[in-house]
């Protein structure tokens, strides 16, 4: 089952409140201090394990990922199909002398059936999951400081970044621009990349259009920030920001 990914900015430092409290105590934070002292937590849902493997390489962060061992396997678990693989493309596969022409969806369905079949035969889920492909979706919670997020964005928003993590990075960047404009401005990488500079400008416009709706969102509720079609993401990513 193919589905849209979700990037949800679930929790983040309230800088106006933090600065007000610190100034009341006679402490003034510089811009550099704000980058160090803060935390942003994203709930990334429906991303491929190929993308999650890239995300956890950013070591100065905290992660909690959905378990493959304890999540029940069913034929309904999702996957992401790379947009570069045509819907009607089939490849020949030979199984015990029998040739089959399979498309991407066929292969995903075979791996799901095989994994579920092993579990039904009494094989432990921790062993059966070895059949699960990188395209299978997962959920992961990620927390980073603003400074590390900017480093993440500079790398993963670049035009040569892998398409899925690039889409996620732009979605996450738009979310923090809306939630904390006093901390997140144009990306430093925009000075060296016209591609990034152009997309930063698009994000600024989209965030500006979303500010009114965000301000009217009830505290604790999620606001959906519309990024498509202007941001031209390769695959569907729904972007949400919790309002405080």
Protein backbone atom coordinates (compact mmCIF):
# COMPACT_ATOMS: atom_id res chain seq x y z
CA UNK A 1 0.00 0.00 0.00
CA UNK A 2 1.52 3.29 -1.07
CA UNK A 3 0.83 6.35 1.04
CA UNK A 4 1.96 9.90 1.68
CA UNK A 5 4.73 10.49 4.18
CA UNK A 6 4.16 12.89 7.06
CA UNK A 7 6.59 15.29 8.72
CA UNK A 8 5.08 16.52 11.99
CA UNK A 9 6.86 19.13 14.10
CA UNK A 10 5.49 17.73 17.32
CA UNK A 11 7.41 19.63 19.98
CA UNK A 12 9.81 22.58 19.97
CA UNK A 13 11.34 25.26 22.17
CA UNK A 14 9.09 28.29 22.58
CA UNK A 15 11.72 30.97 22.08
CA UNK A 16 9.57 34.05 22.76
CA UNK A 17 8.58 32.59 26.13
CA UNK A 18 12.11 31.38 26.88
CA UNK A 19 13.67 34.75 26.02
CA UNK A 20 11.06 36.62 28.07
CA UNK A 21 11.74 34.45 31.11
CA UNK A 22 15.51 34.79 30.74
CA UNK A 23 15.36 38.55 30.26
CA UNK A 24 13.20 38.77 33.37
CA UNK A 25 16.06 37.09 35.21
CA UNK A 26 18.60 39.46 33.68
CA UNK A 27 19.91 37.05 31.04
CA UNK A 28 19.97 37.90 27.33
CA UNK A 29 20.53 35.14 24.79
CA UNK A 30 22.50 35.80 21.62
CA UNK A 31 21.54 34.31 18.26
CA UNK A 32 24.32 31.74 18.63
CA UNK A 33 23.07 30.83 22.10
CA UNK A 34 19.57 30.24 20.77
CA UNK A 35 20.98 27.81 18.21
CA UNK A 36 22.60 25.79 20.99
CA UNK A 37 19.85 25.94 23.58
CA UNK A 38 16.73 24.49 22.07
CA UNK A 39 15.20 21.28 20.80
CA UNK A 40 12.91 20.37 17.92
CA UNK A 41 11.17 17.00 17.80
CA UNK A 42 9.77 15.60 14.56
CA UNK A 43 7.47 12.64 14.14
CA UNK A 44 8.30 11.29 10.68
CA UNK A 45 5.66 8.83 9.50
CA UNK A 46 5.47 6.59 6.47
CA UNK A 47 9.06 7.05 5.35
CA UNK A 48 11.04 4.25 3.78
CA UNK A 49 13.67 2.38 5.73
CA UNK A 50 16.09 3.53 3.03
CA UNK A 51 15.43 7.10 4.22
CA UNK A 52 15.50 6.25 7.93
CA UNK A 53 18.93 4.63 7.48
CA UNK A 54 20.18 7.97 6.15
CA UNK A 55 18.52 9.99 8.91
CA UNK A 56 20.10 8.05 11.78
CA UNK A 57 23.55 8.75 10.37
CA UNK A 58 23.16 12.25 11.82
CA UNK A 59 24.58 11.22 15.16
CA UNK A 60 24.13 14.42 17.18
CA UNK A 61 20.42 13.74 17.60
CA UNK A 62 18.04 11.46 19.46
CA UNK A 63 15.97 8.82 17.68
CA UNK A 64 13.14 6.44 18.50
CA UNK A 65 12.16 4.16 15.62
CA UNK A 66 9.24 1.81 15.15
CA UNK A 67 10.26 -1.79 15.84
CA UNK A 68 10.18 -4.35 13.05
CA UNK A 69 10.44 -7.12 15.59
CA UNK A 70 7.30 -6.37 17.57
CA UNK A 71 5.02 -4.70 15.01
CA UNK A 72 2.61 -7.28 13.63
CA UNK A 73 3.19 -8.11 9.97
CA UNK A 74 0.15 -7.86 7.71
CA UNK A 75 -0.39 -7.53 3.99
CA UNK A 76 -1.36 -3.90 4.58
CA UNK A 77 2.03 -2.55 5.66
CA UNK A 78 3.08 0.21 3.35
CA UNK A 79 5.98 0.93 1.05
CA UNK A 80 7.34 3.78 -0.99
CA UNK A 81 7.94 3.34 -4.71
CA UNK A 82 10.70 5.49 -6.20
CA UNK A 83 9.20 7.88 -8.76
CA UNK A 84 11.98 6.89 -11.17
CA UNK A 85 10.47 3.40 -11.51
CA UNK A 86 7.66 3.52 -14.12
CA UNK A 87 4.30 2.03 -13.13
CA UNK A 88 4.22 -0.31 -16.13
CA UNK A 89 7.87 -1.41 -15.97
CA UNK A 90 8.25 -5.16 -15.50
CA UNK A 91 11.43 -7.15 -15.04
CA UNK A 92 11.91 -10.87 -15.75
CA UNK A 93 12.38 -13.08 -12.69
CA UNK A 94 13.11 -16.81 -12.90
CA UNK A 95 11.93 -19.06 -10.06
CA UNK A 96 12.76 -22.78 -10.36
CA UNK A 97 12.70 -22.68 -14.14
CA UNK A 98 9.52 -20.58 -14.35
CA UNK A 99 9.81 -17.05 -15.73
CA UNK A 100 7.67 -14.29 -14.31
CA UNK A 101 7.45 -10.67 -15.42
CA UNK A 102 6.96 -8.58 -12.27
CA UNK A 103 6.53 -4.88 -11.62
CA UNK A 104 7.59 -3.07 -8.44
CA UNK A 105 4.22 -3.63 -6.74
CA UNK A 106 4.38 -7.36 -7.49
CA UNK A 107 7.76 -7.68 -5.80
CA UNK A 108 6.57 -5.74 -2.74
CA UNK A 109 3.54 -8.01 -2.48
CA UNK A 110 5.70 -11.14 -2.77
CA UNK A 111 7.98 -10.02 0.06
CA UNK A 112 4.99 -9.25 2.27
CA UNK A 113 3.39 -12.62 1.56
CA UNK A 114 6.68 -14.42 2.22
CA UNK A 115 7.31 -12.59 5.50
CA UNK A 116 3.78 -13.17 6.71
CA UNK A 117 4.03 -16.80 5.60
CA UNK A 118 7.16 -17.41 7.66
CA UNK A 119 5.46 -15.95 10.74
CA UNK A 120 2.42 -18.20 10.17
CA UNK A 121 4.79 -21.20 10.06
CA UNK A 122 6.13 -20.35 13.49
CA UNK A 123 9.26 -18.47 12.46
CA UNK A 124 10.07 -15.66 14.85
CA UNK A 125 9.22 -12.17 13.65
CA UNK A 126 12.81 -11.10 14.35
CA UNK A 127 13.96 -13.62 11.71
CA UNK A 128 11.05 -13.24 9.28
CA UNK A 129 11.70 -9.49 8.99
CA UNK A 130 14.92 -10.20 7.09
CA UNK A 131 12.72 -10.42 4.01
CA UNK A 132 11.41 -6.88 4.42
CA UNK A 133 12.73 -4.52 1.71
CA UNK A 134 14.19 -1.03 2.13
CA UNK A 135 11.04 0.33 0.48
CA UNK A 136 8.93 -0.77 3.47
CA UNK A 137 7.73 2.19 5.47
CA UNK A 138 8.55 2.99 9.07
CA UNK A 139 7.97 5.72 11.63
CA UNK A 140 10.75 7.51 13.47
CA UNK A 141 10.88 10.30 16.05
CA UNK A 142 13.89 12.62 15.77
CA UNK A 143 15.03 15.40 18.11
CA UNK A 144 17.76 17.90 17.20
CA UNK A 145 19.07 21.25 18.34
CA UNK A 146 18.59 24.18 15.94
CA UNK A 147 22.30 24.20 15.12
CA UNK A 148 22.27 20.53 14.15
CA UNK A 149 19.06 20.98 12.17
CA UNK A 150 20.68 23.72 10.11
CA UNK A 151 23.59 21.36 9.39
CA UNK A 152 21.04 18.66 8.45
CA UNK A 153 19.21 21.05 6.11
CA UNK A 154 22.40 22.26 4.42
CA UNK A 155 23.26 18.66 3.54
CA UNK A 156 19.85 17.15 2.86
CA UNK A 157 18.16 20.06 1.06
CA UNK A 158 20.93 20.06 -1.55
CA UNK A 159 20.05 19.11 -5.14
CA UNK A 160 22.33 16.07 -5.03
CA UNK A 161 20.68 14.64 -1.90
CA UNK A 162 18.63 11.47 -2.33
CA UNK A 163 15.08 12.42 -3.42
CA UNK A 164 13.13 11.12 -0.42
CA UNK A 165 15.27 12.58 2.33
CA UNK A 166 15.52 15.82 0.34
CA UNK A 167 11.72 16.09 0.26
CA UNK A 168 11.57 15.39 4.00
CA UNK A 169 14.28 17.96 4.72
CA UNK A 170 12.45 20.71 2.82
CA UNK A 171 9.22 19.82 4.58
CA UNK A 172 10.96 19.96 7.98
CA UNK A 173 12.68 23.23 7.10
CA UNK A 174 9.35 24.82 6.21
CA UNK A 175 7.91 23.59 9.52
CA UNK A 176 10.65 25.18 11.65
CA UNK A 177 10.52 28.40 9.64
CA UNK A 178 6.85 28.66 10.58
CA UNK A 179 7.31 27.66 14.22
CA UNK A 180 10.51 29.58 15.04
CA UNK A 181 11.26 32.35 12.52
CA UNK A 182 13.49 34.09 15.09
CA UNK A 183 15.93 31.17 14.91
CA UNK A 184 15.59 29.75 11.40
CA UNK A 185 16.27 32.10 8.54
CA UNK A 186 17.63 31.45 5.04
CA UNK A 187 19.95 28.46 4.92
CA UNK A 188 23.69 29.21 4.82
CA UNK A 189 23.98 26.83 1.85
CA UNK A 190 21.81 29.25 -0.17
CA UNK A 191 24.87 31.49 -0.55
CA UNK A 192 26.52 28.80 -2.68
CA UNK A 193 23.55 27.18 -4.40
CA UNK A 194 21.00 28.87 -6.66
CA UNK A 195 18.81 25.78 -6.30
CA UNK A 196 18.66 26.14 -2.51
CA UNK A 197 18.32 29.93 -2.71
CA UNK A 198 15.29 29.65 -4.98
CA UNK A 199 13.57 27.05 -2.82
CA UNK A 200 14.27 28.99 0.38
CA UNK A 201 12.44 31.91 -1.23
CA UNK A 202 9.51 29.64 -2.09
CA UNK A 203 9.39 28.36 1.51
CA UNK A 204 9.38 31.95 2.80
CA UNK A 205 6.34 32.75 0.65
CA UNK A 206 4.49 29.58 1.69
CA UNK A 207 5.21 30.19 5.37
CA UNK A 208 4.04 33.78 5.08
CA UNK A 209 0.77 32.58 3.58
CA UNK A 210 0.33 30.03 6.35
CA UNK A 211 1.05 32.36 9.29
CA UNK A 212 -2.53 33.58 9.69
CA UNK A 213 -4.01 30.08 9.77
CA UNK A 214 -1.27 28.91 12.12
CA UNK A 215 -1.92 31.74 14.58
CA UNK A 216 -5.62 30.83 14.69
CA UNK A 217 -4.94 27.16 15.39
CA UNK A 218 -5.93 26.07 18.89
CA UNK A 219 -3.01 25.37 21.28
CA UNK A 220 -1.98 21.74 21.07
CA UNK A 221 -3.61 21.23 17.68
CA UNK A 222 -1.80 20.48 14.44
CA UNK A 223 -1.71 23.00 11.60
CA UNK A 224 -1.14 21.65 8.10
CA UNK A 225 1.27 23.75 6.08
CA UNK A 226 0.56 23.50 2.37
CA UNK A 227 3.76 23.16 0.34
CA UNK A 228 2.60 21.62 -2.91
CA UNK A 229 2.61 22.25 -5.79
CA UNK A 230 4.91 25.27 -5.45
CA UNK A 231 7.75 23.48 -3.69
CA UNK A 232 7.69 20.69 -6.29
CA UNK A 233 8.40 17.78 -3.98
CA UNK A 234 9.13 14.51 -5.78
CA UNK A 235 6.70 12.50 -3.64
CA UNK A 236 3.79 13.43 -1.34
CA UNK A 237 4.87 14.72 2.09
CA UNK A 238 2.22 16.21 4.37
CA UNK A 239 3.66 18.86 6.69
CA UNK A 240 2.20 19.61 10.13
CA UNK A 241 3.21 21.94 12.96
CA UNK A 242 1.78 21.76 16.48
CA UNK A 243 0.72 25.19 17.70
CA UNK A 244 1.63 26.38 21.20
